[in-house]
All heavy atoms as atom14 arrays in JSON, in Angstrom:
{
  "sequence": "IPVVSIEDLGILREVRVGPDGHVQVVITPTYSGCPAME",
  "atom14_mask": [
    [1, 1, 1, 1, 1, 1, 1, 1, 0, 0, 0, 0, 0, 0],
    [1, 1, 1, 1, 1, 1, 1, 0, 0, 0, 0, 0, 0, 0],
    [1, 1, 1, 1, 1, 1, 1, 0, 0, 0, 0, 0, 0, 0],
    [1, 1, 1, 1, 1, 1, 1, 0, 0, 0, 0, 0, 0, 0],
    [1, 1, 1, 1, 1, 1, 0, 0, 0, 0, 0, 0, 0, 0],
    [1, 1, 1, 1, 1, 1, 1, 1, 0, 0, 0, 0, 0, 0],
    [1, 1, 1, 1, 1, 1, 1, 1, 1, 0, 0, 0, 0, 0],
    [1, 1, 1, 1, 1, 1, 1, 1, 0, 0, 0, 0, 0, 0],
    [1, 1, 1, 1, 1, 1, 1, 1, 0, 0, 0, 0, 0, 0],
    [1, 1, 1, 1, 0, 0, 0, 0, 0, 0, 0, 0, 0, 0],
    [1, 1, 1, 1, 1, 1, 1, 1, 0, 0, 0, 0, 0, 0],
    [1, 1, 1, 1, 1, 1, 1, 1, 0, 0, 0, 0, 0, 0],
    [1, 1, 1, 1, 1, 1, 1, 1, 1, 1, 1, 0, 0, 0],
    [1, 1, 1, 1, 1, 1, 1, 1, 1, 0, 0, 0, 0, 0],
    [1, 1, 1, 1, 1, 1, 1, 0, 0, 0, 0, 0, 0, 0],
    [1, 1, 1, 1, 1, 1, 1, 1, 1, 1, 1, 0, 0, 0],
    [1, 1, 1, 1, 1, 1, 1, 0, 0, 0, 0, 0, 0, 0],
    [1, 1, 1, 1, 0, 0, 0, 0, 0, 0, 0, 0, 0, 0],
    [1, 1, 1, 1, 1, 1, 1, 0, 0, 0, 0, 0, 0, 0],
    [1, 1, 1, 1, 1, 1, 1, 1, 0, 0, 0, 0, 0, 0],
    [1, 1, 1, 1, 0, 0, 0, 0, 0, 0, 0, 0, 0, 0],
    [1, 1, 1, 1, 1, 1, 1, 1, 1, 1, 0, 0, 0, 0],
    [1, 1, 1, 1, 1, 1, 1, 0, 0, 0, 0, 0, 0, 0],
    [1, 1, 1, 1, 1, 1, 1, 1, 1, 0, 0, 0, 0, 0],
    [1, 1, 1, 1, 1, 1, 1, 0, 0, 0, 0, 0, 0, 0],
    [1, 1, 1, 1, 1, 1, 1, 0, 0, 0, 0, 0, 0, 0],
    [1, 1, 1, 1, 1, 1, 1, 1, 0, 0, 0, 0, 0, 0],
    [1, 1, 1, 1, 1, 1, 1, 0, 0, 0, 0, 0, 0, 0],
    [1, 1, 1, 1, 1, 1, 1, 0, 0, 0, 0, 0, 0, 0],
    [1, 1, 1, 1, 1, 1, 1, 0, 0, 0, 0, 0, 0, 0],
    [1, 1, 1, 1, 1, 1, 1, 1, 1, 1, 1, 1, 0, 0],
    [1, 1, 1, 1, 1, 1, 0, 0, 0, 0, 0, 0, 0, 0],
    [1, 1, 1, 1, 0, 0, 0, 0, 0, 0, 0, 0, 0, 0],
    [1, 1, 1, 1, 1, 1, 0, 0, 0, 0, 0, 0, 0, 0],
    [1, 1, 1, 1, 1, 1, 1, 0, 0, 0, 0, 0, 0, 0],
    [1, 1, 1, 1, 1, 0, 0, 0, 0, 0, 0, 0, 0, 0],
    [1, 1, 1, 1, 1, 1, 1, 1, 0, 0, 0, 0, 0, 0],
    [1, 1, 1, 1, 1, 1, 1, 1, 1, 0, 0, 0, 0, 0]
  ],
  "atom14_positions": [
    [[0.91, -1.2, -0.04], [0.03, -0.01, 0.0], [0.88, 1.22, 0.0], [1.2, 1.8, 1.04], [-0.91, -0.05, 1.26], [-1.58, -1.4, 1.4], [-1.97, 1.16, 1.11], [-2.26, -1.53, 2.77], [0.0, 0.0, 0.0], [0.0, 0.0, 0.0], [0.0, 0.0, 0.0], [0.0, 0.0, 0.0], [0.0, 0.0, 0.0], [0.0, 0.0, 0.0]],
    [[1.4, 1.63, -1.15], [2.45, 2.62, -1.24], [2.02, 4.08, -0.75], [2.86, 4.94, -0.7], [2.85, 2.67, -2.66], [1.75, 2.02, -3.39], [1.07, 1.02, -2.47], [0.0, 0.0, 0.0], [0.0, 0.0, 0.0], [0.0, 0.0, 0.0], [0.0, 0.0, 0.0], [0.0, 0.0, 0.0], [0.0, 0.0, 0.0], [0.0, 0.0, 0.0]],
    [[0.72, 4.29, -0.49], [0.3, 5.64, 0.0], [0.62, 5.75, 1.49], [0.44, 6.89, 2.0], [-1.16, 5.87, -0.34], [-1.36, 5.9, -1.79], [-2.06, 4.88, 0.4], [0.0, 0.0, 0.0], [0.0, 0.0, 0.0], [0.0, 0.0, 0.0], [0.0, 0.0, 0.0], [0.0, 0.0, 0.0], [0.0, 0.0, 0.0], [0.0, 0.0, 0.0]],
    [[0.99, 4.72, 2.17], [1.29, 4.76, 3.58], [2.79, 4.35, 3.82], [3.24, 3.49, 3.15], [0.4, 3.95, 4.48], [-1.05, 4.55, 4.52], [0.39, 2.51, 4.08], [0.0, 0.0, 0.0], [0.0, 0.0, 0.0], [0.0, 0.0, 0.0], [0.0, 0.0, 0.0], [0.0, 0.0, 0.0], [0.0, 0.0, 0.0], [0.0, 0.0, 0.0]],
    [[3.41, 4.94, 4.78], [4.73, 4.57, 5.12], [4.75, 3.51, 6.22], [3.7, 3.24, 6.84], [5.56, 5.81, 5.65], [5.05, 6.18, 6.95], [0.0, 0.0, 0.0], [0.0, 0.0, 0.0], [0.0, 0.0, 0.0], [0.0, 0.0, 0.0], [0.0, 0.0, 0.0], [0.0, 0.0, 0.0], [0.0, 0.0, 0.0], [0.0, 0.0, 0.0]],
    [[5.9, 2.96, 6.43], [6.0, 1.91, 7.51], [5.76, 2.56, 8.85], [5.3, 1.95, 9.8], [7.28, 1.16, 7.46], [8.57, 1.95, 7.67], [7.39, 0.31, 6.15], [9.79, 1.18, 7.83], [0.0, 0.0, 0.0], [0.0, 0.0, 0.0], [0.0, 0.0, 0.0], [0.0, 0.0, 0.0], [0.0, 0.0, 0.0], [0.0, 0.0, 0.0]],
    [[5.99, 3.85, 8.99], [5.66, 4.63, 10.22], [4.13, 4.75, 10.35], [3.57, 4.58, 11.4], [6.39, 5.95, 10.26], [6.07, 6.82, 11.48], [6.65, 8.21, 11.41], [6.51, 8.83, 10.37], [7.12, 8.59, 12.48], [0.0, 0.0, 0.0], [0.0, 0.0, 0.0], [0.0, 0.0, 0.0], [0.0, 0.0, 0.0], [0.0, 0.0, 0.0]],
    [[3.52, 5.15, 9.27], [2.06, 5.29, 9.19], [1.36, 4.02, 9.63], [0.32, 4.1, 10.35], [1.51, 5.63, 7.82], [1.91, 7.04, 7.31], [2.18, 7.92, 8.14], [2.01, 7.2, 6.12], [0.0, 0.0, 0.0], [0.0, 0.0, 0.0], [0.0, 0.0, 0.0], [0.0, 0.0, 0.0], [0.0, 0.0, 0.0], [0.0, 0.0, 0.0]],
    [[1.87, 2.93, 9.23], [1.25, 1.62, 9.6], [1.59, 1.19, 11.03], [0.94, 0.25, 11.57], [1.63, 0.53, 8.6], [0.92, 0.56, 7.27], [1.4, -0.57, 6.38], [-0.58, 0.47, 7.42], [0.0, 0.0, 0.0], [0.0, 0.0, 0.0], [0.0, 0.0, 0.0], [0.0, 0.0, 0.0], [0.0, 0.0, 0.0], [0.0, 0.0, 0.0]],
    [[2.58, 1.81, 11.55], [2.91, 1.39, 12.93], [3.84, 0.23, 12.95], [4.0, -0.43, 14.03], [0.0, 0.0, 0.0], [0.0, 0.0, 0.0], [0.0, 0.0, 0.0], [0.0, 0.0, 0.0], [0.0, 0.0, 0.0], [0.0, 0.0, 0.0], [0.0, 0.0, 0.0], [0.0, 0.0, 0.0], [0.0, 0.0, 0.0], [0.0, 0.0, 0.0]],
    [[4.41, -0.26, 11.89], [5.38, -1.36, 11.87], [6.82, -0.93, 12.12], [7.65, -1.79, 12.5], [5.27, -2.22, 10.62], [5.61, -1.47, 9.4], [3.85, -2.8, 10.53], [5.69, -2.33, 8.19], [0.0, 0.0, 0.0], [0.0, 0.0, 0.0], [0.0, 0.0, 0.0], [0.0, 0.0, 0.0], [0.0, 0.0, 0.0], [0.0, 0.0, 0.0]],
    [[7.13, 0.35, 12.11], [8.39, 0.85, 12.42], [8.37, 1.08, 13.94], [7.61, 1.97, 14.47], [8.71, 2.19, 11.77], [9.98, 2.88, 12.17], [11.24, 1.99, 11.73], [10.15, 4.17, 11.41], [0.0, 0.0, 0.0], [0.0, 0.0, 0.0], [0.0, 0.0, 0.0], [0.0, 0.0, 0.0], [0.0, 0.0, 0.0], [0.0, 0.0, 0.0]],
    [[9.1, 0.26, 14.63], [8.98, 0.29, 16.13], [10.16, 1.11, 16.77], [9.84, 1.83, 17.76], [9.09, -1.18, 16.67], [8.03, -2.11, 16.12], [6.62, -1.65, 16.34], [6.34, -1.31, 17.68], [5.53, -0.38, 18.09], [4.91, 0.36, 17.22], [5.36, -0.07, 19.34], [0.0, 0.0, 0.0], [0.0, 0.0, 0.0], [0.0, 0.0, 0.0]],
    [[11.36, 0.97, 16.24], [12.4, 1.72, 16.9], [13.55, 1.86, 15.97], [13.78, 1.02, 15.05], [12.89, 0.96, 18.2], [13.89, 1.72, 19.01], [14.16, 1.11, 20.36], [13.37, 0.21, 20.8], [15.07, 1.57, 20.99], [0.0, 0.0, 0.0], [0.0, 0.0, 0.0], [0.0, 0.0, 0.0], [0.0, 0.0, 0.0], [0.0, 0.0, 0.0]],
    [[14.37, 2.94, 16.18], [15.62, 3.14, 15.41], [16.61, 3.53, 16.43], [16.5, 4.38, 17.3], [15.45, 4.24, 14.38], [16.75, 4.48, 13.62], [14.4, 3.95, 13.35], [0.0, 0.0, 0.0], [0.0, 0.0, 0.0], [0.0, 0.0, 0.0], [0.0, 0.0, 0.0], [0.0, 0.0, 0.0], [0.0, 0.0, 0.0], [0.0, 0.0, 0.0]],
    [[17.73, 2.77, 16.42], [18.83, 3.03, 17.39], [20.1, 3.32, 16.57], [20.3, 2.75, 15.47], [19.14, 1.77, 18.2], [17.97, 1.29, 19.04], [18.35, 0.06, 19.84], [17.2, -0.6, 20.36], [16.67, -1.77, 19.98], [17.32, -2.44, 19.04], [15.65, -2.25, 20.5], [0.0, 0.0, 0.0], [0.0, 0.0, 0.0], [0.0, 0.0, 0.0]],
    [[20.91, 4.26, 17.07], [22.18, 4.58, 16.44], [23.33, 4.46, 17.51], [23.21, 5.12, 18.54], [22.24, 6.01, 15.85], [23.49, 6.32, 15.22], [21.04, 6.22, 14.87], [0.0, 0.0, 0.0], [0.0, 0.0, 0.0], [0.0, 0.0, 0.0], [0.0, 0.0, 0.0], [0.0, 0.0, 0.0], [0.0, 0.0, 0.0], [0.0, 0.0, 0.0]],
    [[24.22, 3.54, 17.25], [25.29, 3.31, 18.15], [26.32, 4.38, 18.03], [26.42, 5.15, 17.07], [0.0, 0.0, 0.0], [0.0, 0.0, 0.0], [0.0, 0.0, 0.0], [0.0, 0.0, 0.0], [0.0, 0.0, 0.0], [0.0, 0.0, 0.0], [0.0, 0.0, 0.0], [0.0, 0.0, 0.0], [0.0, 0.0, 0.0], [0.0, 0.0, 0.0]],
    [[27.25, 4.5, 19.04], [28.32, 5.5, 19.05], [29.26, 5.23, 17.86], [29.92, 6.2, 17.41], [29.0, 5.27, 20.38], [28.55, 3.95, 20.95], [27.31, 3.68, 20.26], [0.0, 0.0, 0.0], [0.0, 0.0, 0.0], [0.0, 0.0, 0.0], [0.0, 0.0, 0.0], [0.0, 0.0, 0.0], [0.0, 0.0, 0.0], [0.0, 0.0, 0.0]],
    [[29.37, 4.05, 17.37], [30.16, 3.71, 16.22], [29.45, 3.98, 14.87], [30.06, 3.74, 13.8], [30.65, 2.31, 16.27], [29.44, 1.28, 16.22], [28.25, 1.73, 16.29], [29.76, 0.08, 16.1], [0.0, 0.0, 0.0], [0.0, 0.0, 0.0], [0.0, 0.0, 0.0], [0.0, 0.0, 0.0], [0.0, 0.0, 0.0], [0.0, 0.0, 0.0]],
    [[28.23, 4.48, 14.97], [27.5, 4.85, 13.65], [26.61, 3.77, 13.22], [25.84, 3.94, 12.3], [0.0, 0.0, 0.0], [0.0, 0.0, 0.0], [0.0, 0.0, 0.0], [0.0, 0.0, 0.0], [0.0, 0.0, 0.0], [0.0, 0.0, 0.0], [0.0, 0.0, 0.0], [0.0, 0.0, 0.0], [0.0, 0.0, 0.0], [0.0, 0.0, 0.0]],
    [[26.7, 2.58, 13.84], [25.8, 1.38, 13.42], [24.35, 1.76, 13.72], [24.03, 2.21, 14.84], [26.22, 0.19, 14.24], [25.39, -1.02, 13.88], [25.49, -1.73, 12.76], [24.36, -1.57, 14.65], [24.54, -2.68, 12.77], [23.9, -2.64, 13.88], [0.0, 0.0, 0.0], [0.0, 0.0, 0.0], [0.0, 0.0, 0.0], [0.0, 0.0, 0.0]],
    [[23.51, 1.52, 12.72], [22.06, 1.85, 12.79], [21.3, 0.49, 12.86], [21.58, -0.36, 12.07], [21.6, 2.64, 11.64], [20.07, 2.89, 11.74], [22.3, 4.0, 11.56], [0.0, 0.0, 0.0], [0.0, 0.0, 0.0], [0.0, 0.0, 0.0], [0.0, 0.0, 0.0], [0.0, 0.0, 0.0], [0.0, 0.0, 0.0], [0.0, 0.0, 0.0]],
    [[20.41, 0.45, 13.78], [19.5, -0.71, 13.94], [18.13, -0.24, 13.81], [17.7, 0.65, 14.62], [19.73, -1.48, 15.24], [18.93, -2.72, 15.37], [19.16, -3.4, 16.7], [19.16, -2.78, 17.8], [19.32, -4.69, 16.71], [0.0, 0.0, 0.0], [0.0, 0.0, 0.0], [0.0, 0.0, 0.0], [0.0, 0.0, 0.0], [0.0, 0.0, 0.0]],
    [[17.39, -0.76, 12.86], [15.92, -0.49, 12.7], [15.12, -1.7, 13.08], [15.43, -2.75, 12.6], [15.71, -0.07, 11.15], [14.22, 0.24, 10.92], [16.6, 1.11, 10.76], [0.0, 0.0, 0.0], [0.0, 0.0, 0.0], [0.0, 0.0, 0.0], [0.0, 0.0, 0.0], [0.0, 0.0, 0.0], [0.0, 0.0, 0.0], [0.0, 0.0, 0.0]],
    [[14.19, -1.39, 13.95], [13.28, -2.52, 14.4], [11.92, -2.38, 13.79], [11.3, -1.34, 13.88], [13.29, -2.45, 16.02], [12.32, -3.59, 16.51], [14.66, -2.58, 16.57], [0.0, 0.0, 0.0], [0.0, 0.0, 0.0], [0.0, 0.0, 0.0], [0.0, 0.0, 0.0], [0.0, 0.0, 0.0], [0.0, 0.0, 0.0], [0.0, 0.0, 0.0]],
    [[11.48, -3.46, 13.19], [10.13, -3.48, 12.52], [9.4, -4.64, 13.06], [9.91, -5.66, 13.38], [10.19, -3.45, 10.99], [11.06, -4.6, 10.52], [10.76, -2.15, 10.47], [11.04, -4.77, 8.95], [0.0, 0.0, 0.0], [0.0, 0.0, 0.0], [0.0, 0.0, 0.0], [0.0, 0.0, 0.0], [0.0, 0.0, 0.0], [0.0, 0.0, 0.0]],
    [[8.01, -4.55, 13.03], [7.1, -5.58, 13.41], [6.12, -5.83, 12.24], [5.52, -4.94, 11.78], [6.35, -5.21, 14.61], [7.27, -5.0, 15.72], [5.35, -6.31, 15.12], [0.0, 0.0, 0.0], [0.0, 0.0, 0.0], [0.0, 0.0, 0.0], [0.0, 0.0, 0.0], [0.0, 0.0, 0.0], [0.0, 0.0, 0.0], [0.0, 0.0, 0.0]],
    [[5.97, -7.11, 11.82], [5.04, -7.35, 10.71], [3.59, -7.18, 11.15], [3.29, -7.38, 12.35], [5.3, -8.86, 10.42], [5.81, -9.42, 11.62], [6.65, -8.35, 12.26], [0.0, 0.0, 0.0], [0.0, 0.0, 0.0], [0.0, 0.0, 0.0], [0.0, 0.0, 0.0], [0.0, 0.0, 0.0], [0.0, 0.0, 0.0], [0.0, 0.0, 0.0]],
    [[2.75, -6.91, 10.25], [1.32, -6.78, 10.51], [0.76, -8.13, 11.01], [-0.24, -8.19, 11.68], [0.47, -6.31, 9.42], [0.73, -7.06, 8.22], [0.89, -4.85, 9.01], [0.0, 0.0, 0.0], [0.0, 0.0, 0.0], [0.0, 0.0, 0.0], [0.0, 0.0, 0.0], [0.0, 0.0, 0.0], [0.0, 0.0, 0.0], [0.0, 0.0, 0.0]],
    [[1.37, -9.25, 10.5], [1.07, -10.58, 11.01], [2.25, -11.44, 10.78], [3.01, -11.21, 9.83], [-0.18, -11.12, 10.42], [-0.09, -11.44, 8.95], [0.18, -12.76, 8.5], [-0.33, -10.46, 7.97], [0.32, -12.98, 7.1], [-0.23, -10.79, 6.65], [0.08, -12.01, 6.18], [0.24, -12.35, 4.85], [0.0, 0.0, 0.0], [0.0, 0.0, 0.0]],
    [[2.46, -12.53, 11.59], [3.63, -13.26, 11.43], [3.56, -14.09, 10.08], [2.45, -14.42, 9.65], [3.77, -14.36, 12.51], [2.66, -15.15, 12.58], [0.0, 0.0, 0.0], [0.0, 0.0, 0.0], [0.0, 0.0, 0.0], [0.0, 0.0, 0.0], [0.0, 0.0, 0.0], [0.0, 0.0, 0.0], [0.0, 0.0, 0.0], [0.0, 0.0, 0.0]],
    [[4.58, -14.09, 9.32], [4.6, -14.65, 8.05], [4.26, -13.65, 6.9], [4.09, -14.04, 5.73], [0.0, 0.0, 0.0], [0.0, 0.0, 0.0], [0.0, 0.0, 0.0], [0.0, 0.0, 0.0], [0.0, 0.0, 0.0], [0.0, 0.0, 0.0], [0.0, 0.0, 0.0], [0.0, 0.0, 0.0], [0.0, 0.0, 0.0], [0.0, 0.0, 0.0]],
    [[4.19, -12.43, 7.25], [3.81, -11.37, 6.17], [4.93, -11.37, 5.15], [6.07, -11.17, 5.42], [3.76, -9.98, 6.87], [3.44, -8.68, 5.7], [0.0, 0.0, 0.0], [0.0, 0.0, 0.0], [0.0, 0.0, 0.0], [0.0, 0.0, 0.0], [0.0, 0.0, 0.0], [0.0, 0.0, 0.0], [0.0, 0.0, 0.0], [0.0, 0.0, 0.0]],
    [[4.52, -11.62, 3.9], [5.54, -11.75, 2.75], [6.17, -10.38, 2.44], [7.2, -10.34, 1.83], [4.72, -12.29, 1.57], [3.29, -11.87, 1.95], [3.21, -11.88, 3.36], [0.0, 0.0, 0.0], [0.0, 0.0, 0.0], [0.0, 0.0, 0.0], [0.0, 0.0, 0.0], [0.0, 0.0, 0.0], [0.0, 0.0, 0.0], [0.0, 0.0, 0.0]],
    [[5.59, -9.32, 2.89], [6.11, -7.95, 2.51], [7.39, -7.59, 3.38], [8.08, -6.64, 3.04], [5.06, -6.91, 2.7], [0.0, 0.0, 0.0], [0.0, 0.0, 0.0], [0.0, 0.0, 0.0], [0.0, 0.0, 0.0], [0.0, 0.0, 0.0], [0.0, 0.0, 0.0], [0.0, 0.0, 0.0], [0.0, 0.0, 0.0], [0.0, 0.0, 0.0]],
    [[7.62, -8.39, 4.43], [8.74, -7.93, 5.34], [10.14, -7.95, 4.7], [10.89, -7.11, 4.97], [8.7, -8.85, 6.56], [7.41, -8.68, 7.55], [6.94, -6.95, 7.77], [8.24, -6.38, 8.84], [0.0, 0.0, 0.0], [0.0, 0.0, 0.0], [0.0, 0.0, 0.0], [0.0, 0.0, 0.0], [0.0, 0.0, 0.0], [0.0, 0.0, 0.0]],
    [[10.31, -8.94, 3.8], [11.7, -8.9, 3.14], [11.79, -7.73, 2.2], [12.92, -7.11, 2.06], [11.87, -10.23, 2.4], [12.24, -11.35, 3.3], [13.53, -11.06, 4.25], [14.54, -10.59, 3.78], [13.38, -11.29, 5.44], [0.0, 0.0, 0.0], [0.0, 0.0, 0.0], [0.0, 0.0, 0.0], [0.0, 0.0, 0.0], [0.0, 0.0, 0.0]]
  ]
}
């Protein structure tokens, strides 16, 4: 559904940035096994 972002859908849970610059993005699927996650 390209009119909404992953933030709009609430699947973007967290974004962390380490002191070394490493970024970790945490997402949750709308249901387990959601084929869109990849």
